[in-house]
Amino acid sequence: MLLRRCYRKRCGIYAVSQNISALETEVGAGTLDSDTALTMADGFIASVQPSQTLTLRAGMVFVPLITIILAYVIIRKKYKIDEKEYERIVKELS
């Protein structure tokens, strides 16, 4: 079983994810039963610090939100199609 080590008694989210993935692989291969895998996975999840989950959740909410707002602002300011531009595009396409 390949399990990532936790340094300084703290596991990163990525290491926890990889450990759980390794457990799923072993269950699929038949070398580990699902109840044991669930117990081990719960242990990995419990090792994640609250600040890590808060950071992950904030990243999952605020990074997409900021990029959507930024894209909206860019589109509103830079990509304006007036009557003249519309006619030129229609003429070019036909």
Protein backbone atom coordinates (compact mmCIF):
# COMPACT_ATOMS: atom_id res chain seq x y z
CA MET A 1 0.00 0.00 0.00
CA LEU A 2 1.46 3.35 -1.05
CA LEU A 3 0.54 5.99 1.51
CA ARG A 4 1.86 9.52 1.53
CA ARG A 5 3.60 10.59 4.69
CA CYS A 6 2.40 13.50 6.75
CA TYR A 7 5.13 15.87 7.75
CA ARG A 8 5.06 17.71 11.09
CA LYS A 9 1.91 15.80 12.01
CA ARG A 10 -0.05 17.75 9.39
CA CYS A 11 -1.29 16.30 6.15
CA GLY A 12 -2.00 18.42 3.14
CA ILE A 13 -5.28 18.05 1.31
CA TYR A 14 -3.43 16.59 -1.68
CA ALA A 15 -1.76 13.89 0.45
CA VAL A 16 -5.09 12.98 2.03
CA SER A 17 -6.68 12.75 -1.41
CA GLN A 18 -3.87 10.54 -2.68
CA ASN A 19 -4.13 8.26 0.36
CA ILE A 20 -7.87 7.83 -0.11
CA SER A 21 -7.33 7.17 -3.80
CA ALA A 22 -4.78 4.47 -2.92
CA LEU A 23 -7.33 2.89 -0.60
CA GLU A 24 -9.93 2.86 -3.38
CA THR A 25 -7.43 1.21 -5.70
CA GLU A 26 -6.71 -1.49 -3.16
CA VAL A 27 -10.41 -2.13 -2.57
CA GLY A 28 -10.86 -2.44 -6.33
CA ALA A 29 -7.94 -4.87 -6.54
CA GLY A 30 -9.41 -6.95 -3.73
CA THR A 31 -6.44 -6.57 -1.37
CA LEU A 32 -8.43 -4.55 1.17
CA ASP A 33 -12.04 -4.82 2.29
CA SER A 34 -14.27 -1.77 2.08
CA ASP A 35 -14.97 -1.50 5.82
CA THR A 36 -11.26 -1.27 6.62
CA ALA A 37 -10.79 1.21 3.79
CA LEU A 38 -13.62 3.38 5.13
CA THR A 39 -12.13 3.35 8.61
CA MET A 40 -8.70 4.31 7.25
CA ALA A 41 -10.22 7.02 5.03
CA ASP A 42 -12.03 8.50 8.02
CA GLY A 43 -8.68 8.65 9.81
CA PHE A 44 -7.10 10.48 6.88
CA ILE A 45 -9.98 12.94 6.69
CA ALA A 46 -9.79 13.57 10.45
CA SER A 47 -6.12 14.54 10.07
CA VAL A 48 -7.01 17.56 7.91
CA GLN A 49 -6.80 20.81 9.85
CA PRO A 50 -9.83 23.16 9.93
CA SER A 51 -7.73 25.93 8.40
CA GLN A 52 -6.96 23.69 5.44
CA THR A 53 -10.61 22.95 4.78
CA LEU A 54 -11.48 26.64 5.14
CA THR A 55 -8.75 27.55 2.64
CA LEU A 56 -9.96 24.89 0.21
CA ARG A 57 -13.58 25.99 0.49
CA ALA A 58 -12.67 29.66 0.10
CA GLY A 59 -10.60 28.81 -2.97
CA MET A 60 -13.47 26.84 -4.45
CA VAL A 61 -15.82 29.80 -4.01
CA PHE A 62 -13.76 32.97 -4.40
CA VAL A 63 -11.35 32.06 -7.22
CA PRO A 64 -14.17 31.22 -9.68
CA LEU A 65 -16.22 34.19 -8.46
CA ILE A 66 -13.36 36.61 -9.02
CA THR A 67 -12.58 35.21 -12.48
CA ILE A 68 -16.25 35.39 -13.50
CA ILE A 69 -16.47 39.02 -12.37
CA LEU A 70 -13.19 39.84 -14.11
CA ALA A 71 -14.40 38.19 -17.34
CA TYR A 72 -17.66 40.13 -17.15
CA VAL A 73 -15.85 43.44 -16.67
CA ILE A 74 -13.49 42.73 -19.58
CA ILE A 75 -16.36 41.76 -21.87
CA ARG A 76 -18.39 44.84 -20.95
CA LYS A 77 -15.46 47.23 -21.46
CA LYS A 78 -13.57 45.72 -24.39
CA TYR A 79 -16.09 43.92 -26.57
CA LYS A 80 -18.70 46.40 -27.65
CA ILE A 81 -20.55 45.84 -30.89
CA ASP A 82 -22.32 48.93 -32.17
CA GLU A 83 -24.42 49.22 -35.33
CA LYS A 84 -21.43 49.95 -37.54
CA GLU A 85 -19.43 46.99 -36.23
CA TYR A 86 -22.47 44.72 -36.49
CA GLU A 87 -23.00 45.63 -40.14
CA ARG A 88 -19.31 45.00 -40.88
CA ILE A 89 -19.47 41.55 -39.26
CA VAL A 90 -22.66 40.62 -41.12
CA LYS A 91 -21.18 41.80 -44.42
CA GLU A 92 -18.00 39.81 -43.77
CA LEU A 93 -19.92 36.63 -42.97
CA SER A 94 -22.20 36.79 -46.01
